[in-house]
Amino acid sequence: MKAIVQDRYGSPDALEFSEVEKPVAVGNTVLVRVRASSVNAYDWHVMRGDPYLARLMLPAAFGRKGPKARIRGRDFAGRVEAVGPDVTRFGPGDEVYGDLGDANGAFAEYVCAPEDLVELKPINLTFEQAAAIPLAGSTALFGLRDAAKVEAGQRVLVNGASGGVGPFAVQLAKTFGAEVTGVCSTRNVDLIRSLGADHVIDYSKEDFTRNGVPYDVVLDLVANRSLADFRRALTPTGTLVLSGGGTFTGGSVVGPMRILLQAKLQSRFVRHRLIDFSTPLTLEHLTTLKTLAESSRLTSAIDRSYALADVPAAITYLESHHAQAKVTITI
């Protein structure tokens, strides 16, 4: 089968479109003929081994000289081709979606995934729309519902509302009954407003950390402000949720992990709740997102789609910070 493989850390030039062995369903795994995948910031962080500290702290994904898994990509959507003897929930022909986690491998014609990381595809979404959801949607769901415990009537601000995770976060916060403010660039204001945001701040014209509006929850997805700035935007007992993010700036030791480390150190000494997290891989998240999509409370905003052979160009586009919402791969 064809796949995007990588044997050393580097730029998108380190990715190769190659022929590799097709996986086989065994045990509790499901073999899926991939119809679509999507690109996440996670993919280029692993591709580059950036920041260097991640190579020490996240050994499941990062090796010493290159990624642990040769084939890049996490999100997938497609049709089940075969199942292992221990699989009980799926059969050949089922349309499914899921997230391979640190095992990676979704930028390929076939993937083999554990049954508990796969869910039936939302029936009202295309394969591309479904493939855009797993990692980004789970990040937004965990950050807002599980970590921040957003409640109806609260003021929620999403910093980085037009990235991969942001559009899902805006929609989910509205679903939870919050008053939602999205922060984005000028060209993305209409997109974020169309997804249900009550207020949209163009960061080139207004500084949300100094506009005097206190927020109960700030979800940061880009790590582009200081911890002091974020805390200034909170109510006295507000919650700041940090999920990393950031953009590539030539390689660094700490990168966007700096603010996560600062939050860990300060959290025990301040009234604000400072939360940093890695999105857990759970079937419950995929099931909840499927239910929301099928009830028209969640949809995928897609900027553009690339062919499998063009994954390096797709990652370059995302990495250059030009993407509006999700970038998908059609296979």
Protein backbone atom coordinates (compact mmCIF):
# COMPACT_ATOMS: atom_id res chain seq x y z
CA MET A 1 0.00 0.00 0.00
CA LYS A 2 1.02 3.63 -0.36
CA ALA A 3 1.85 5.69 2.72
CA ILE A 4 3.72 8.77 3.93
CA VAL A 5 6.79 7.55 5.82
CA GLN A 6 9.59 9.23 7.76
CA ASP A 7 12.85 7.86 9.18
CA ARG A 8 14.44 11.02 10.59
CA TYR A 9 13.33 14.29 12.11
CA GLY A 10 13.16 17.20 9.73
CA SER A 11 11.05 19.48 7.55
CA PRO A 12 8.31 18.17 5.25
CA ASP A 13 11.17 17.20 2.92
CA ALA A 14 11.82 14.29 5.32
CA LEU A 15 8.46 12.76 4.36
CA GLU A 16 8.39 10.19 1.57
CA PHE A 17 5.48 8.78 -0.44
CA SER A 18 6.39 5.10 -0.43
CA GLU A 19 5.16 1.55 -0.81
CA VAL A 20 4.88 -0.27 2.53
CA GLU A 21 3.42 -3.53 3.74
CA LYS A 22 -0.35 -3.58 4.23
CA PRO A 23 -1.34 -4.20 7.89
CA VAL A 24 -3.36 -7.24 8.95
CA ALA A 25 -6.23 -7.28 11.45
CA VAL A 26 -5.43 -9.46 14.46
CA GLY A 27 -6.85 -9.75 17.97
CA ASN A 28 -9.11 -6.78 18.73
CA THR A 29 -7.96 -4.64 15.78
CA VAL A 30 -9.95 -3.32 12.84
CA LEU A 31 -8.47 -3.01 9.34
CA VAL A 32 -9.81 0.14 7.67
CA ARG A 33 -9.52 1.19 4.04
CA VAL A 34 -8.81 4.88 4.64
CA ARG A 35 -10.84 7.36 2.63
CA ALA A 36 -9.69 10.51 4.42
CA SER A 37 -7.38 11.78 7.12
CA SER A 38 -6.56 15.22 8.48
CA VAL A 39 -3.49 17.19 9.51
CA ASN A 40 -2.94 18.38 13.07
CA ALA A 41 -0.27 20.48 14.76
CA TYR A 42 0.70 17.22 16.47
CA ASP A 43 1.86 15.88 13.09
CA TRP A 44 4.44 18.57 12.47
CA HIS A 45 5.62 18.57 16.08
CA VAL A 46 6.40 14.84 15.73
CA MET A 47 7.74 15.28 12.20
CA ARG A 48 10.30 17.84 13.38
CA GLY A 49 10.86 16.46 16.88
CA ASP A 50 9.97 19.93 18.11
CA PRO A 51 10.37 21.10 20.80
CA TYR A 52 13.40 19.09 21.91
CA LEU A 53 11.98 18.68 25.41
CA ALA A 54 9.12 16.65 23.94
CA ARG A 55 11.61 13.98 22.87
CA LEU A 56 12.28 13.35 26.55
CA MET A 57 8.79 13.82 27.97
CA LEU A 58 6.75 11.99 25.30
CA PRO A 59 8.65 8.77 24.57
CA ALA A 60 5.61 7.04 23.04
CA ALA A 61 5.81 9.33 19.99
CA PHE A 62 9.34 10.75 19.97
CA GLY A 63 12.49 8.72 19.43
CA ARG A 64 16.05 9.97 19.79
CA LYS A 65 16.76 10.53 16.08
CA GLY A 66 13.32 10.16 14.59
CA PRO A 67 9.65 9.48 15.35
CA LYS A 68 8.82 6.12 16.93
CA ALA A 69 6.30 5.34 14.17
CA ARG A 70 7.40 5.55 10.52
CA ILE A 71 4.00 6.49 9.07
CA ARG A 72 2.64 9.91 10.03
CA GLY A 73 -0.97 10.85 10.73
CA ARG A 74 -3.52 10.19 13.49
CA ASP A 75 -7.06 10.93 12.29
CA PHE A 76 -8.80 8.62 9.85
CA ALA A 77 -12.18 7.84 8.33
CA GLY A 78 -13.00 4.98 5.98
CA ARG A 79 -14.62 1.56 5.54
CA VAL A 80 -13.85 -1.57 7.52
CA GLU A 81 -12.21 -4.18 5.31
CA ALA A 82 -11.54 -6.88 7.92
CA VAL A 83 -11.66 -7.40 11.68
CA GLY A 84 -9.63 -9.45 14.12
CA PRO A 85 -11.23 -12.47 15.84
CA ASP A 86 -11.80 -10.56 19.09
CA VAL A 87 -13.68 -7.62 17.51
CA THR A 88 -17.39 -7.48 18.41
CA ARG A 89 -18.58 -4.00 17.37
CA PHE A 90 -17.71 -3.82 13.67
CA GLY A 91 -17.84 -5.81 10.48
CA PRO A 92 -16.65 -5.42 6.88
CA GLY A 93 -18.32 -2.52 5.12
CA ASP A 94 -18.96 -0.41 8.22
CA GLU A 95 -18.10 3.27 7.80
CA VAL A 96 -15.94 4.35 10.74
CA TYR A 97 -13.67 7.07 12.04
CA GLY A 98 -11.05 7.26 14.77
CA ASP A 99 -7.70 8.39 16.13
CA LEU A 100 -4.60 6.19 16.15
CA GLY A 101 -2.91 8.20 18.90
CA ASP A 102 0.85 7.97 19.27
CA ALA A 103 0.84 4.79 17.15
CA ASN A 104 0.27 7.08 14.13
CA GLY A 105 -0.18 5.61 10.62
CA ALA A 106 -3.22 7.40 9.15
CA PHE A 107 -1.45 8.92 6.13
CA ALA A 108 -1.82 5.61 4.34
CA GLU A 109 -4.25 3.61 2.23
CA TYR A 110 -4.97 1.25 5.15
CA VAL A 111 -4.76 1.43 8.93
CA CYS A 112 -5.14 -1.17 11.66
CA ALA A 113 -6.63 0.30 14.83
CA PRO A 114 -7.70 -1.12 18.20
CA GLU A 115 -11.47 -1.51 18.37
CA ASP A 116 -11.74 0.89 21.32
CA LEU A 117 -10.23 3.74 19.27
CA VAL A 118 -12.79 3.38 16.46
CA GLU A 119 -16.41 4.53 16.23
CA LEU A 120 -19.05 4.48 13.51
CA LYS A 121 -18.77 7.57 11.29
CA PRO A 122 -21.44 10.25 11.79
CA ILE A 123 -23.99 9.35 9.13
CA ASN A 124 -24.53 12.95 8.01
CA LEU A 125 -20.84 13.74 7.41
CA THR A 126 -18.57 12.97 4.49
CA PHE A 127 -15.40 10.98 5.10
CA GLU A 128 -13.40 14.22 4.93
CA GLN A 129 -15.64 15.94 7.47
CA ALA A 130 -15.48 12.94 9.80
CA ALA A 131 -11.69 12.64 9.53
CA ALA A 132 -11.37 16.27 10.63
CA ILE A 133 -12.96 15.55 14.00
CA PRO A 134 -11.13 12.94 16.16
CA LEU A 135 -8.04 14.64 17.64
CA ALA A 136 -9.21 18.25 17.30
CA GLY A 137 -12.73 17.51 18.47
CA SER A 138 -11.53 15.41 21.40
CA THR A 139 -9.12 18.16 22.43
CA ALA A 140 -11.93 20.73 22.47
CA LEU A 141 -14.32 18.37 24.27
CA PHE A 142 -11.83 17.35 26.94
CA GLY A 143 -10.58 20.92 27.46
CA LEU A 144 -14.02 22.46 27.89
CA ARG A 145 -16.19 19.71 29.35
CA ASP A 146 -13.77 17.52 31.31
CA ALA A 147 -11.02 19.95 32.34
CA ALA A 148 -12.79 23.33 32.63
CA LYS A 149 -16.25 21.87 33.38
CA VAL A 150 -17.95 24.67 31.46
CA GLU A 151 -21.46 25.52 32.67
CA ALA A 152 -24.38 27.34 31.10
CA GLY A 153 -24.15 31.11 31.44
CA GLN A 154 -20.37 31.25 31.82
CA ARG A 155 -18.21 33.47 29.66
CA VAL A 156 -15.79 31.36 27.62
CA LEU A 157 -12.99 32.73 25.43
CA VAL A 158 -11.25 30.59 22.81
CA ASN A 159 -7.82 31.90 21.87
CA GLY A 160 -7.01 30.50 18.43
CA ALA A 161 -10.63 30.06 17.43
CA SER A 162 -9.91 29.56 13.73
CA GLY A 163 -7.27 26.83 13.97
CA GLY A 164 -7.83 23.09 13.91
CA VAL A 165 -9.32 22.82 17.41
CA GLY A 166 -10.86 26.28 17.73
CA PRO A 167 -13.95 25.86 15.52
CA PHE A 168 -14.92 22.73 17.45
CA ALA A 169 -14.32 24.53 20.76
CA VAL A 170 -16.58 27.42 19.75
CA GLN A 171 -19.40 25.05 18.80
CA LEU A 172 -19.02 22.89 21.92
CA ALA A 173 -18.95 25.87 24.28
CA LYS A 174 -22.21 27.09 22.71
CA THR A 175 -23.68 23.60 23.10
CA PHE A 176 -22.83 23.75 26.81
CA GLY A 177 -24.76 27.04 27.09
CA ALA A 178 -21.82 29.43 27.44
CA GLU A 179 -21.46 32.97 26.12
CA VAL A 180 -18.61 32.44 23.66
CA THR A 181 -15.90 34.80 22.43
CA GLY A 182 -13.54 33.68 19.69
CA VAL A 183 -10.15 35.30 19.05
CA CYS A 184 -8.85 35.10 15.49
CA SER A 185 -7.37 37.09 12.60
CA THR A 186 -9.33 39.54 10.46
CA ARG A 187 -9.97 37.12 7.61
CA ASN A 188 -11.49 34.50 9.95
CA VAL A 189 -14.00 36.72 11.78
CA ASP A 190 -16.92 35.71 9.57
CA LEU A 191 -16.08 32.00 9.87
CA ILE A 192 -16.06 32.06 13.67
CA ARG A 193 -19.24 34.10 13.81
CA SER A 194 -20.93 31.60 11.47
CA LEU A 195 -20.05 28.78 13.90
CA GLY A 196 -22.07 30.44 16.65
CA ALA A 197 -19.66 32.68 18.55
CA ASP A 198 -21.47 35.46 20.41
CA HIS A 199 -18.46 37.77 20.10
CA VAL A 200 -15.41 37.69 17.83
CA ILE A 201 -12.20 39.56 18.63
CA ASP A 202 -9.82 40.40 15.80
CA TYR A 203 -6.46 40.17 17.58
CA SER A 204 -4.93 42.70 15.18
CA LYS A 205 -7.38 45.33 16.46
CA GLU A 206 -8.10 44.41 20.07
CA ASP A 207 -6.18 42.84 22.97
CA PHE A 208 -8.50 40.52 24.87
CA THR A 209 -6.16 40.55 27.87
CA ARG A 210 -6.62 44.31 28.29
CA ASN A 211 -10.20 45.01 27.20
CA GLY A 212 -11.59 44.79 30.73
CA VAL A 213 -13.88 41.82 30.03
CA PRO A 214 -13.39 38.99 32.56
CA TYR A 215 -13.90 35.41 31.41
CA ASP A 216 -14.84 32.39 33.50
CA VAL A 217 -12.87 30.12 31.17
CA VAL A 218 -10.07 30.85 28.72
CA LEU A 219 -9.11 27.98 26.40
CA ASP A 220 -5.72 28.72 24.85
CA LEU A 221 -4.80 26.83 21.69
CA VAL A 222 -1.80 28.79 20.39
CA ALA A 223 0.49 29.62 23.35
CA ASN A 224 1.10 33.13 22.02
CA ARG A 225 0.61 35.12 25.25
CA SER A 226 2.26 35.08 28.65
CA LEU A 227 0.73 33.37 31.65
CA ALA A 228 0.28 36.82 33.26
CA ASP A 229 -1.64 38.03 30.21
CA PHE A 230 -4.01 35.07 30.31
CA ARG A 231 -4.63 35.44 34.04
CA ARG A 232 -5.45 39.12 33.55
CA ALA A 233 -8.35 38.06 31.30
CA LEU A 234 -9.89 35.77 33.94
CA THR A 235 -12.42 36.38 36.68
CA PRO A 236 -10.87 36.11 40.18
CA THR A 237 -11.63 32.38 40.30
CA GLY A 238 -11.57 31.72 36.56
CA THR A 239 -10.07 28.74 34.75
CA LEU A 240 -7.26 28.80 32.20
CA VAL A 241 -6.95 25.67 30.06
CA LEU A 242 -3.69 25.29 28.11
CA SER A 243 -3.31 22.76 25.33
CA GLY A 244 0.07 23.70 23.90
CA GLY A 245 -0.08 24.57 20.21
CA GLY A 246 2.35 27.15 18.91
CA THR A 247 4.00 27.46 15.53
CA PHE A 248 7.38 26.30 14.27
CA THR A 249 10.06 28.97 14.71
CA GLY A 250 13.21 27.09 13.76
CA GLY A 251 13.38 24.58 16.60
CA SER A 252 13.59 25.16 20.33
CA VAL A 253 14.32 23.36 23.56
CA VAL A 254 11.01 24.15 25.28
CA GLY A 255 8.80 25.98 22.74
CA PRO A 256 5.08 26.14 23.66
CA MET A 257 5.74 23.77 26.58
CA ARG A 258 7.21 26.74 28.47
CA ILE A 259 3.83 28.13 29.47
CA LEU A 260 2.63 24.64 30.43
CA LEU A 261 5.56 24.25 32.81
CA GLN A 262 4.96 27.72 34.25
CA ALA A 263 1.31 26.88 34.87
CA LYS A 264 2.27 23.70 36.73
CA LEU A 265 4.58 25.67 39.00
CA GLN A 266 2.11 28.49 39.71
CA SER A 267 -1.13 26.53 39.97
CA ARG A 268 -0.76 25.66 43.66
CA PHE A 269 -0.15 29.27 44.67
CA VAL A 270 -2.98 31.16 42.91
CA ARG A 271 -6.80 31.23 43.07
CA HIS A 272 -7.12 30.74 39.33
CA ARG A 273 -7.40 27.18 38.07
CA LEU A 274 -4.46 26.65 35.69
CA ILE A 275 -4.85 23.43 33.74
CA ASP A 276 -2.58 21.92 31.13
CA PHE A 277 -3.47 18.64 29.49
CA SER A 278 -2.80 16.06 26.85
CA THR A 279 -5.96 14.84 25.15
CA PRO A 280 -6.74 11.28 26.29
CA LEU A 281 -7.81 8.77 23.67
CA THR A 282 -11.23 7.45 24.69
CA LEU A 283 -14.09 5.85 22.82
CA GLU A 284 -16.49 7.99 24.85
CA HIS A 285 -15.13 11.16 23.23
CA LEU A 286 -15.59 9.74 19.72
CA THR A 287 -19.11 8.59 20.58
CA THR A 288 -20.09 11.96 22.07
CA LEU A 289 -18.72 13.86 19.06
CA LYS A 290 -20.59 11.50 16.71
CA THR A 291 -23.85 12.15 18.58
CA LEU A 292 -23.34 15.92 18.45
CA ALA A 293 -22.52 15.81 14.73
CA GLU A 294 -25.58 13.71 13.92
CA SER A 295 -27.79 16.14 15.86
CA SER A 296 -26.35 19.06 13.83
CA ARG A 297 -24.74 20.64 16.90
CA LEU A 298 -21.21 20.04 15.59
CA THR A 299 -19.78 20.30 12.10
CA SER A 300 -16.34 20.35 10.51
CA ALA A 301 -14.97 23.56 9.05
CA ILE A 302 -12.49 22.56 6.33
CA ASP A 303 -10.06 24.94 4.67
CA ARG A 304 -8.76 22.70 1.89
CA SER A 305 -7.97 19.09 1.02
CA TYR A 306 -4.86 17.44 -0.40
CA ALA A 307 -4.10 14.07 -2.01
CA LEU A 308 -2.11 11.50 -0.03
CA ALA A 309 1.04 12.12 -2.07
CA ASP A 310 0.78 15.81 -1.22
CA VAL A 311 0.87 15.44 2.58
CA PRO A 312 4.22 17.34 2.73
CA ALA A 313 2.52 20.32 1.05
CA ALA A 314 -0.46 20.03 3.42
CA ILE A 315 1.79 20.10 6.49
CA THR A 316 3.75 23.02 5.04
CA TYR A 317 0.50 24.92 4.59
CA LEU A 318 -0.65 24.19 8.14
CA GLU A 319 2.77 24.86 9.65
CA SER A 320 3.02 28.22 7.94
CA HIS A 321 -0.01 29.36 9.96
CA HIS A 322 -2.18 30.04 6.92
CA ALA A 323 -4.85 27.39 7.48
CA GLN A 324 -8.41 28.39 8.28
CA ALA A 325 -9.84 25.51 10.32
CA LYS A 326 -8.95 21.94 9.27
CA VAL A 327 -6.77 20.65 6.44
CA THR A 328 -7.80 17.19 5.24
CA ILE A 329 -6.21 14.43 3.19
CA THR A 330 -8.32 12.57 0.63
CA ILE A 331 -7.14 9.03 -0.01
